[in-house]
């Protein structure tokens, strides 16, 4: 018996990638319709993609597909996970066509940045029921936000805040470059208190002298210092290919954590130069850990982001929901 075509809800961010998502989707649409019944939903304002994903998660679709960049992926996943019970989502599987500025989610999962190739990998039903981890950041006394790449405190959040204020029509890596330059110009080293629980070793990694050794297992570790940034996540990339967490495995149920101690501008230039291939882990200001949960409290004025989107507050608890979301890749 011939299989019924699967139903797909394509949630498209028309301004993603400086408008590239619109033209890219138009070029791909008929190919997708050759395999599936497709309903299109175009986001109209920040947060709209999350609203639409939340509303359609029980409407009989086999796939909810984010068409855009990391911001679109972030919104759609948050909309889907808003309907999850006990941290495990059971609605349509998640898919993504990377047509944004950074596409760091696609890099972590090996999705081709060419839309047709990305679609071919996802054009069959999720018969093996693959599921991926989802990160959760919960600001103190506030509602949780989900993330698929990483969250951060300090410099990377400062850069994201600057990039998010730029016109959405700017495509490519330019917004991230301008964001980094803006954060560099007003660079602040912040007082952060960091607690890690359920530590696990990272193979062949030597910590700098200032960083406490990580005891294996259920032990905890506390670090307080002035930091340039603290990043925790399940994905490897941020900001259009910066490999902040080169050892991250988005299916191990753990958070990878990178801490960059206070640093002067000239030293920061060297560290930034090495961050695209993970070489920053060899710098003496940088420490790296793996843990089940993380709590970070910052001084007033500390920016926080989740997948590049701002998070209100100066401190938060961070954790992982293992195998929380079914995917089509």
Protein backbone atom coordinates (compact mmCIF):
# COMPACT_ATOMS: atom_id res chain seq x y z
CA UNK A 1 0.00 0.00 0.00
CA UNK A 2 1.34 3.44 -0.93
CA UNK A 3 2.22 5.60 2.06
CA UNK A 4 0.25 8.80 2.58
CA UNK A 5 2.42 11.91 2.14
CA UNK A 6 3.46 13.38 5.45
CA UNK A 7 2.14 16.75 6.52
CA UNK A 8 4.67 19.50 7.18
CA UNK A 9 4.23 22.86 8.83
CA UNK A 10 6.92 25.13 7.40
CA UNK A 11 7.51 28.11 9.70
CA UNK A 12 9.38 30.70 7.66
CA UNK A 13 11.13 33.80 8.95
CA UNK A 14 11.00 36.06 5.86
CA UNK A 15 13.76 38.41 7.09
CA UNK A 16 16.23 35.72 8.18
CA UNK A 17 19.60 35.94 6.45
CA UNK A 18 18.80 39.44 5.19
CA UNK A 19 15.84 38.03 3.24
CA UNK A 20 17.66 34.92 1.99
CA UNK A 21 15.15 32.70 3.79
CA UNK A 22 12.33 33.98 1.57
CA UNK A 23 14.14 33.43 -1.73
CA UNK A 24 15.64 30.14 -0.54
CA UNK A 25 12.26 28.78 0.50
CA UNK A 26 10.64 29.81 -2.79
CA UNK A 27 13.34 27.90 -4.68
CA UNK A 28 12.88 24.82 -2.49
CA UNK A 29 9.12 24.82 -1.99
CA UNK A 30 8.06 22.75 -5.00
CA UNK A 31 10.72 20.12 -4.24
CA UNK A 32 9.33 19.73 -0.73
CA UNK A 33 5.79 19.55 -2.07
CA UNK A 34 6.87 16.64 -4.25
CA UNK A 35 7.34 14.63 -1.04
CA UNK A 36 4.84 16.11 1.41
CA UNK A 37 1.76 18.22 1.97
CA UNK A 38 3.06 21.58 3.14
CA UNK A 39 1.33 24.37 5.02
CA UNK A 40 3.26 27.65 5.16
CA UNK A 41 3.37 29.97 8.15
CA UNK A 42 5.29 33.25 7.87
CA UNK A 43 6.43 34.95 11.06
CA UNK A 44 5.64 38.65 11.27
CA UNK A 45 7.39 39.83 14.46
CA UNK A 46 9.87 38.58 17.07
CA UNK A 47 8.31 35.71 19.01
CA UNK A 48 5.71 34.96 16.34
CA UNK A 49 7.43 31.76 15.17
CA UNK A 50 7.30 30.44 18.74
CA UNK A 51 3.60 31.27 19.00
CA UNK A 52 2.80 29.47 15.76
CA UNK A 53 4.86 26.41 16.69
CA UNK A 54 3.10 26.17 20.04
CA UNK A 55 -0.32 26.40 18.43
CA UNK A 56 0.28 23.81 15.69
CA UNK A 57 2.06 21.19 17.79
CA UNK A 58 -1.12 19.11 18.15
CA UNK A 59 -2.60 19.63 14.66
CA UNK A 60 -1.59 16.34 13.09
CA UNK A 61 1.66 17.39 11.42
CA UNK A 62 4.54 14.93 11.07
CA UNK A 63 7.14 17.71 10.97
CA UNK A 64 7.48 21.28 12.18
CA UNK A 65 10.20 22.77 9.99
CA UNK A 66 12.04 26.00 10.85
CA UNK A 67 13.05 27.87 7.69
CA UNK A 68 15.56 30.54 8.63
CA UNK A 69 18.53 30.90 10.93
CA UNK A 70 19.39 30.10 14.52
CA UNK A 71 16.88 32.64 15.81
CA UNK A 72 14.09 30.89 13.91
CA UNK A 73 15.24 27.48 15.18
CA UNK A 74 15.34 28.88 18.72
CA UNK A 75 11.79 30.24 18.49
CA UNK A 76 10.26 27.15 16.89
CA UNK A 77 11.89 24.82 19.43
CA UNK A 78 10.69 27.01 22.30
CA UNK A 79 7.18 26.93 20.88
CA UNK A 80 7.21 23.15 20.56
CA UNK A 81 8.75 22.57 23.98
CA UNK A 82 6.12 24.80 25.59
CA UNK A 83 3.74 21.88 24.99
CA UNK A 84 6.10 19.27 26.44
CA UNK A 85 5.03 17.31 29.47
CA UNK A 86 7.66 16.35 32.05
CA UNK A 87 10.36 17.70 29.75
CA UNK A 88 9.60 15.24 26.92
CA UNK A 89 7.91 16.50 23.78
CA UNK A 90 5.66 14.13 21.79
CA UNK A 91 4.34 16.29 18.94
CA UNK A 92 5.59 16.58 15.33
CA UNK A 93 9.29 15.98 14.74
CA UNK A 94 11.51 18.99 14.28
CA UNK A 95 13.24 19.85 11.02
CA UNK A 96 15.28 22.83 9.82
CA UNK A 97 16.30 24.45 6.55
CA UNK A 98 19.32 26.66 7.39
CA UNK A 99 18.82 29.98 5.63
CA UNK A 100 19.97 32.44 8.26
CA UNK A 101 23.02 34.49 9.15
CA UNK A 102 24.91 32.08 11.38
CA UNK A 103 23.38 28.59 11.01
CA UNK A 104 25.27 27.25 14.03
CA UNK A 105 22.58 24.68 14.81
CA UNK A 106 23.09 23.21 11.32
CA UNK A 107 26.86 23.07 11.86
CA UNK A 108 26.54 21.11 15.09
CA UNK A 109 24.25 18.50 13.53
CA UNK A 110 25.99 18.32 10.17
CA UNK A 111 23.06 19.71 8.19
CA UNK A 112 24.19 20.97 4.80
CA UNK A 113 24.01 24.73 4.38
CA UNK A 114 22.66 24.22 0.85
CA UNK A 115 18.84 24.06 1.26
CA UNK A 116 18.23 21.22 -1.19
CA UNK A 117 20.80 18.98 0.46
CA UNK A 118 19.47 19.85 3.92
CA UNK A 119 15.94 18.90 2.81
CA UNK A 120 16.97 15.57 1.25
CA UNK A 121 18.38 14.47 4.59
CA UNK A 122 15.00 15.18 6.23
CA UNK A 123 12.58 14.09 3.52
CA UNK A 124 11.70 10.74 5.10
CA UNK A 125 9.64 10.17 8.25
CA UNK A 126 11.59 9.81 11.47
CA UNK A 127 11.33 6.02 11.54
CA UNK A 128 14.26 5.53 13.91
CA UNK A 129 12.71 7.99 16.40
CA UNK A 130 15.95 9.92 16.88
CA UNK A 131 15.75 12.49 19.66
CA UNK A 132 18.13 15.28 20.65
CA UNK A 133 18.94 16.98 23.93
CA UNK A 134 17.50 20.40 24.70
CA UNK A 135 19.11 22.90 27.04
CA UNK A 136 17.12 24.86 29.62
CA UNK A 137 18.10 28.17 31.19
CA UNK A 138 15.91 29.37 34.06
CA UNK A 139 16.64 32.89 35.32
CA UNK A 140 16.16 33.26 39.05
CA UNK A 141 12.42 33.71 39.80
CA UNK A 142 11.50 33.61 36.10
CA UNK A 143 10.21 31.23 33.45
CA UNK A 144 12.59 28.86 31.62
CA UNK A 145 13.89 29.38 28.09
CA UNK A 146 15.01 26.46 25.93
CA UNK A 147 18.15 26.51 23.81
CA UNK A 148 19.66 24.24 21.15
CA UNK A 149 23.17 25.70 20.94
CA UNK A 150 24.32 27.46 24.10
CA UNK A 151 23.71 30.23 26.57
CA UNK A 152 26.27 32.72 27.80
CA UNK A 153 27.09 35.43 30.30
CA UNK A 154 29.32 38.41 29.58
CA UNK A 155 31.19 39.11 26.35
CA UNK A 156 29.27 36.79 24.00
CA UNK A 157 25.97 38.08 25.38
CA UNK A 158 27.21 41.67 24.95
CA UNK A 159 28.06 40.89 21.31
CA UNK A 160 24.66 39.24 20.75
CA UNK A 161 22.88 42.25 22.26
CA UNK A 162 24.66 44.57 19.82
CA UNK A 163 23.99 42.26 16.84
CA UNK A 164 20.29 42.05 17.72
CA UNK A 165 19.98 45.85 17.59
CA UNK A 166 21.24 45.96 13.99
CA UNK A 167 18.82 45.99 11.03
CA UNK A 168 17.47 42.52 10.30
CA UNK A 169 18.20 43.02 6.60
CA UNK A 170 21.94 42.67 7.25
CA UNK A 171 22.89 39.19 6.16
CA UNK A 172 25.89 36.90 6.54
CA UNK A 173 28.30 37.15 9.44
CA UNK A 174 28.37 40.97 9.40
CA UNK A 175 26.00 41.45 12.39
CA UNK A 176 28.11 39.08 14.51
CA UNK A 177 31.34 40.82 13.49
CA UNK A 178 29.86 44.21 14.36
CA UNK A 179 28.53 42.77 17.61
CA UNK A 180 31.97 41.50 18.59
CA UNK A 181 33.54 44.86 17.70
CA UNK A 182 30.95 46.65 19.83
CA UNK A 183 31.54 44.32 22.78
CA UNK A 184 35.30 44.73 22.32
CA UNK A 185 35.03 48.53 22.39
CA UNK A 186 33.10 48.51 25.69
CA UNK A 187 34.71 45.38 27.09
CA UNK A 188 33.84 44.50 30.67
CA UNK A 189 35.12 41.71 32.88
CA UNK A 190 32.26 40.69 35.18
CA UNK A 191 32.16 39.20 38.64
CA UNK A 192 30.59 35.74 38.27
CA UNK A 193 29.89 33.00 40.79
CA UNK A 194 29.66 29.60 39.11
CA UNK A 195 28.47 26.30 40.59
CA UNK A 196 28.83 23.05 38.66
CA UNK A 197 27.12 19.82 39.75
CA UNK A 198 27.64 16.28 38.46
CA UNK A 199 31.06 16.83 36.93
CA UNK A 200 32.45 14.62 34.17
CA UNK A 201 35.98 14.64 32.79
CA UNK A 202 36.89 15.95 29.34
CA UNK A 203 39.50 13.67 27.75
CA UNK A 204 42.99 15.08 27.08
CA UNK A 205 42.19 18.51 28.47
CA UNK A 206 44.59 20.28 30.83
CA UNK A 207 43.07 23.06 32.92
CA UNK A 208 44.99 26.31 33.51
CA UNK A 209 46.58 26.83 36.92
CA UNK A 210 43.87 29.18 38.20
CA UNK A 211 41.02 26.72 37.49
CA UNK A 212 40.19 24.08 40.14
CA UNK A 213 40.47 20.49 39.02
CA UNK A 214 37.16 18.79 38.23
CA UNK A 215 36.46 15.78 40.47
CA UNK A 216 34.62 13.04 38.61
CA UNK A 217 31.02 12.07 39.27
CA UNK A 218 28.50 13.66 41.57
CA UNK A 219 30.88 16.13 43.22
CA UNK A 220 30.29 19.86 42.88
CA UNK A 221 32.64 22.72 42.16
CA UNK A 222 32.35 26.45 42.89
CA UNK A 223 34.36 29.18 41.16
CA UNK A 224 34.12 32.93 41.78
CA UNK A 225 36.26 35.39 39.85
CA UNK A 226 36.21 38.19 37.30
CA UNK A 227 35.40 36.65 33.93
CA UNK A 228 35.26 37.90 30.39
CA UNK A 229 32.53 35.34 29.70
CA UNK A 230 30.99 32.06 30.77
CA UNK A 231 29.28 29.83 28.20
CA UNK A 232 27.30 26.64 28.82
CA UNK A 233 25.68 24.56 26.12
CA UNK A 234 24.98 21.38 24.22
CA UNK A 235 26.10 22.60 20.77
CA UNK A 236 29.57 23.54 19.61
CA UNK A 237 29.07 26.79 17.71
CA UNK A 238 27.89 30.35 18.18
CA UNK A 239 28.09 33.58 16.21
CA UNK A 240 28.41 32.12 12.73
CA UNK A 241 31.01 29.41 13.29
CA UNK A 242 32.85 30.32 16.49
CA UNK A 243 33.58 26.95 18.10
CA UNK A 244 33.23 28.01 21.72
CA UNK A 245 32.46 24.48 22.99
CA UNK A 246 34.52 22.17 20.74
CA UNK A 247 33.93 19.04 22.85
CA UNK A 248 30.15 19.40 23.18
CA UNK A 249 28.03 16.36 22.34
CA UNK A 250 24.33 17.22 21.94
CA UNK A 251 23.27 13.67 22.80
CA UNK A 252 25.18 13.00 26.05
CA UNK A 253 22.76 14.68 28.47
CA UNK A 254 25.51 17.00 29.73
CA UNK A 255 26.46 20.66 29.56
CA UNK A 256 29.86 21.74 28.30
CA UNK A 257 31.09 24.88 30.06
CA UNK A 258 33.79 27.29 28.90
CA UNK A 259 35.08 30.01 31.21
CA UNK A 260 37.33 32.84 30.03
CA UNK A 261 38.97 34.64 32.93
CA UNK A 262 39.51 38.41 32.96
CA UNK A 263 41.68 39.48 30.06
CA UNK A 264 43.03 42.65 28.48
CA UNK A 265 42.10 43.74 24.97
CA UNK A 266 45.35 42.70 23.27
CA UNK A 267 45.11 39.21 24.77
CA UNK A 268 41.46 39.00 23.74
CA UNK A 269 42.43 39.58 20.12
CA UNK A 270 44.61 36.46 20.19
CA UNK A 271 41.92 34.40 21.87
CA UNK A 272 39.28 35.51 19.35
CA UNK A 273 41.61 34.60 16.51
CA UNK A 274 41.75 30.99 17.76
CA UNK A 275 38.10 30.50 18.66
CA UNK A 276 37.02 29.34 15.18
CA UNK A 277 39.00 26.09 15.41
CA UNK A 278 38.76 25.50 19.15
CA UNK A 279 42.36 26.56 19.73
CA UNK A 280 41.31 28.98 22.47
CA UNK A 281 41.24 26.05 24.90
CA UNK A 282 45.03 26.18 24.91
CA UNK A 283 45.10 29.74 26.22
CA UNK A 284 45.93 30.21 29.94
CA UNK A 285 42.82 32.34 30.59
CA UNK A 286 40.41 29.63 29.40
CA UNK A 287 39.02 26.69 31.43
CA UNK A 288 36.64 23.97 30.27
CA UNK A 289 34.30 21.68 32.22
CA UNK A 290 31.44 19.23 31.68
CA UNK A 291 28.57 19.00 34.17
CA UNK A 292 24.95 17.97 34.59
CA UNK A 293 23.78 21.32 35.94
CA UNK A 294 25.26 24.79 36.23
CA UNK A 295 24.26 27.84 38.26
CA UNK A 296 25.74 31.22 37.34
CA UNK A 297 25.16 34.45 39.25
CA UNK A 298 26.48 37.69 37.80
CA UNK A 299 26.98 41.23 38.98
CA UNK A 300 24.42 43.89 37.98
CA UNK A 301 24.65 44.77 34.29
CA UNK A 302 25.70 41.28 33.19
CA UNK A 303 24.08 40.40 29.88
CA UNK A 304 22.77 36.86 29.31
CA UNK A 305 21.76 35.18 26.06
CA UNK A 306 20.24 31.88 24.94
CA UNK A 307 21.06 30.99 21.32
CA UNK A 308 21.86 34.67 20.81
CA UNK A 309 18.51 35.91 22.14
CA UNK A 310 18.58 38.08 25.29
CA UNK A 311 17.53 36.60 28.62
CA UNK A 312 16.46 38.92 31.42
CA UNK A 313 18.21 38.69 34.77
CA UNK A 314 21.72 38.53 36.15
CA UNK A 315 21.76 34.85 37.13
CA UNK A 316 20.22 31.54 36.14
CA UNK A 317 20.12 27.78 36.58
CA UNK A 318 21.10 25.78 33.48
CA UNK A 319 20.34 22.12 32.78
CA UNK A 320 19.67 19.60 30.01
CA UNK A 321 16.57 17.65 29.03
CA UNK A 322 18.07 14.45 27.55
CA UNK A 323 16.52 13.14 24.33
CA UNK A 324 13.70 15.65 24.67
CA UNK A 325 12.89 16.49 21.04
CA UNK A 326 12.28 14.13 18.06
CA UNK A 327 14.05 15.29 14.89
CA UNK A 328 14.03 14.41 11.20
CA UNK A 329 17.80 14.37 10.64
